[in-house]
C-alpha atoms as a PDB file:
ATOM      1  CA  MET A   1      38.799  -0.273 -48.244  1.00  0.00           C
ATOM      2  CA  TYR A   2      41.287   0.876 -45.669  1.00  0.00           C
ATOM      3  CA  LYS A   3      42.288  -1.298 -42.743  1.00  0.00           C
ATOM      4  CA  ALA A   4      42.809  -0.521 -39.064  1.00  0.00           C
ATOM      5  CA  ALA A   5      45.598  -2.034 -36.980  1.00  0.00           C
ATOM      6  CA  VAL A   6      46.073  -2.245 -33.234  1.00  0.00           C
ATOM      7  CA  ILE A   7      49.447  -2.975 -31.643  1.00  0.00           C
ATOM      8  CA  GLY A   8      49.730  -3.959 -27.997  1.00  0.00           C
ATOM      9  CA  ARG A   9      50.874  -6.500 -25.474  1.00  0.00           C
ATOM     10  CA  PRO A  10      49.708 -10.070 -26.042  1.00  0.00           C
ATOM     11  CA  GLY A  11      46.329 -10.613 -24.408  1.00  0.00           C
ATOM     12  CA  THR A  12      45.426  -6.939 -24.151  1.00  0.00           C
ATOM     13  CA  VAL A  13      44.325  -5.920 -27.648  1.00  0.00           C
ATOM     14  CA  GLU A  14      42.565  -8.994 -29.023  1.00  0.00           C
ATOM     15  CA  ALA A  15      39.123  -7.483 -28.376  1.00  0.00           C
ATOM     16  CA  PHE A  16      39.776  -5.039 -31.216  1.00  0.00           C
ATOM     17  CA  ARG A  17      39.384  -7.924 -33.668  1.00  0.00           C
ATOM     18  CA  ALA A  18      35.636  -7.743 -32.973  1.00  0.00           C
ATOM     19  CA  LEU A  19      35.711  -4.200 -34.384  1.00  0.00           C
ATOM     20  CA  GLY A  20      37.386  -5.408 -37.562  1.00  0.00           C
ATOM     21  CA  ALA A  21      40.923  -4.324 -36.720  1.00  0.00           C
ATOM     22  CA  GLU A  22      43.989  -6.400 -37.430  1.00  0.00           C
ATOM     23  CA  VAL A  23      45.774  -7.057 -34.145  1.00  0.00           C
ATOM     24  CA  PHE A  24      49.543  -7.305 -33.733  1.00  0.00           C
ATOM     25  CA  ALA A  25      51.341  -8.351 -30.547  1.00  0.00           C
ATOM     26  CA  ALA A  26      54.490  -6.580 -29.376  1.00  0.00           C
ATOM     27  CA  THR A  27      56.391  -6.494 -26.111  1.00  0.00           C
ATOM     28  CA  ASN A  28      58.664  -3.469 -26.546  1.00  0.00           C
ATOM     29  CA  PRO A  29      58.937  -0.212 -28.514  1.00  0.00           C
ATOM     30  CA  ALA A  30      61.507  -1.664 -30.934  1.00  0.00           C
ATOM     31  CA  GLU A  31      59.024  -4.338 -32.048  1.00  0.00           C
ATOM     32  CA  VAL A  32      56.362  -1.659 -32.516  1.00  0.00           C
ATOM     33  CA  GLU A  33      58.729   0.449 -34.620  1.00  0.00           C
ATOM     34  CA  GLU A  34      59.518  -2.573 -36.798  1.00  0.00           C
ATOM     35  CA  LEU A  35      55.808  -3.245 -37.318  1.00  0.00           C
ATOM     36  CA  LEU A  36      55.113   0.407 -38.141  1.00  0.00           C
ATOM     37  CA  THR A  37      57.768   0.501 -40.843  1.00  0.00           C
ATOM     38  CA  SER A  38      56.207  -2.565 -42.466  1.00  0.00           C
ATOM     39  CA  PHE A  39      52.705  -1.070 -42.731  1.00  0.00           C
ATOM     40  CA  THR A  40      51.558   0.312 -46.058  1.00  0.00           C
ATOM     41  CA  ALA A  41      49.031   2.964 -47.013  1.00  0.00           C
ATOM     42  CA  ASP A  42      46.398   0.197 -46.934  1.00  0.00           C
ATOM     43  CA  TYR A  43      46.049   1.064 -43.247  1.00  0.00           C
ATOM     44  CA  ALA A  44      44.055   4.193 -42.436  1.00  0.00           C
ATOM     45  CA  ILE A  45      44.870   4.101 -38.735  1.00  0.00           C
ATOM     46  CA  VAL A  46      47.231   2.324 -36.387  1.00  0.00           C
ATOM     47  CA  LEU A  47      46.477   2.369 -32.675  1.00  0.00           C
ATOM     48  CA  ILE A  48      49.408   1.652 -30.368  1.00  0.00           C
ATOM     49  CA  SER A  49      49.234   0.761 -26.698  1.00  0.00           C
ATOM     50  CA  GLU A  50      50.672   3.813 -24.951  1.00  0.00           C
ATOM     51  CA  ASP A  51      53.146   1.802 -22.865  1.00  0.00           C
ATOM     52  CA  LEU A  52      54.758   0.364 -26.018  1.00  0.00           C
ATOM     53  CA  ALA A  53      54.950   3.542 -28.082  1.00  0.00           C
ATOM     54  CA  PRO A  54      58.299   4.354 -29.660  1.00  0.00           C
ATOM     55  CA  ALA A  55      59.868   7.742 -28.953  1.00  0.00           C
ATOM     56  CA  LYS A  56      57.942  10.763 -30.225  1.00  0.00           C
ATOM     57  CA  GLU A  57      60.729  11.492 -32.712  1.00  0.00           C
ATOM     58  CA  VAL A  58      60.232   8.068 -34.288  1.00  0.00           C
ATOM     59  CA  LEU A  59      56.468   8.545 -34.566  1.00  0.00           C
ATOM     60  CA  VAL A  60      56.841  12.020 -36.053  1.00  0.00           C
ATOM     61  CA  GLY A  61      59.444  10.725 -38.502  1.00  0.00           C
ATOM     62  CA  LEU A  62      57.163   7.925 -39.671  1.00  0.00           C
ATOM     63  CA  ASN A  63      54.192  10.273 -40.028  1.00  0.00           C
ATOM     64  CA  SER A  64      56.220  12.814 -42.014  1.00  0.00           C
ATOM     65  CA  LYS A  65      57.154  10.239 -44.664  1.00  0.00           C
ATOM     66  CA  GLN A  66      53.597   9.285 -45.592  1.00  0.00           C
ATOM     67  CA  VAL A  67      50.021  10.463 -45.114  1.00  0.00           C
ATOM     68  CA  LEU A  68      48.663   7.080 -44.074  1.00  0.00           C
ATOM     69  CA  PRO A  69      48.425   5.438 -41.695  1.00  0.00           C
ATOM     70  CA  ALA A  70      47.395   7.894 -39.012  1.00  0.00           C
ATOM     71  CA  ILE A  71      49.002   6.837 -35.741  1.00  0.00           C
ATOM     72  CA  SER A  72      47.286   7.256 -32.383  1.00  0.00           C
ATOM     73  CA  LEU A  73      48.064   6.018 -28.888  1.00  0.00           C
ATOM     74  CA  LEU A  74      45.738   3.921 -26.758  1.00  0.00           C
ATOM     75  CA  PRO A  75      45.900   4.964 -23.097  1.00  0.00           C
ATOM     76  CA  VAL A  76      46.784   2.075 -20.848  1.00  0.00           C
ATOM     77  CA  GLU A  77      45.168   3.123 -17.596  1.00  0.00           C
ATOM     78  CA  VAL A  78      41.916   5.009 -18.126  1.00  0.00           C
ATOM     79  CA  SER A  79      38.285   4.178 -17.665  1.00  0.00           C
ATOM     80  CA  ALA A  80      36.799   1.971 -20.358  1.00  0.00           C
ATOM     81  CA  GLU A  81      34.317   4.715 -21.228  1.00  0.00           C
ATOM     82  CA  ARG A  82      37.036   7.315 -21.780  1.00  0.00           C
ATOM     83  CA  ALA A  83      39.166   4.891 -23.795  1.00  0.00           C
ATOM     84  CA  LEU A  84      36.216   4.018 -26.025  1.00  0.00           C
ATOM     85  CA  GLU A  85      35.475   7.703 -26.594  1.00  0.00           C
ATOM     86  CA  LYS A  86      39.095   8.354 -27.593  1.00  0.00           C
ATOM     87  CA  LEU A  87      38.993   5.343 -29.904  1.00  0.00           C
ATOM     88  CA  ARG A  88      35.745   6.555 -31.486  1.00  0.00           C
ATOM     89  CA  PHE A  89      37.276   9.983 -32.046  1.00  0.00           C
ATOM     90  CA  SER A  90      40.461   8.557 -33.591  1.00  0.00           C
ATOM     91  CA  LEU A  91      38.574   6.211 -35.884  1.00  0.00           C
ATOM     92  CA  GLU A  92      36.137   8.923 -36.937  1.00  0.00           C
ATOM     93  CA  LYS A  93      39.032  11.241 -37.716  1.00  0.00           C
ATOM     94  CA  ALA A  94      40.760   8.538 -39.762  1.00  0.00           C
ATOM     95  CA  VAL A  95      37.811   7.233 -41.773  1.00  0.00           C
ATOM     96  CA  GLY A  96      35.429  10.194 -41.652  1.00  0.00           C
ATOM     97  CA  ALA A  97      32.523   8.416 -39.974  1.00  0.00           C
ATOM     98  CA  ASP A  98      31.514   7.000 -36.596  1.00  0.00           C
ATOM     99  CA  ILE A  99      32.007   3.364 -37.583  1.00  0.00           C
ATOM    100  CA  LEU A 100      31.452   2.235 -33.994  1.00  0.00           C
ATOM    101  CA  GLY A 101      27.975   3.780 -33.979  1.00  0.00           C
ATOM    102  CA  LEU A 102      28.457   5.404 -30.580  1.00  0.00           C
ATOM    103  CA  GLY A 103      27.355   8.896 -31.516  1.00  0.00           C
ATOM    104  CA  GLY A 104      29.079  11.873 -30.000  1.00  0.00           C
ATOM    105  CA  GLU A 105      29.549  15.513 -30.789  1.00  0.00           C
END
């Protein structure tokens, strides 16, 4: 079974553990890039806090080398409802099902 990972600032992403994701703390884009290069195809999706995302060129380069994991950004300042909808969409796209059970189009 594939895994999901969430990377963000300490204290901001721990709630994702309740959804079954592995949570990794980072404080700058270089740390995120280091974590991303260590992930294997065991991860279906990696969600990164938008404020810590490496440059687009780095993300595109990582995605072009392998199919998995899919990488998506978590908006930092949006309503909780909108963020949850984006998360549901990203997870559904990665695993092919609404594993959060929130419904949607």
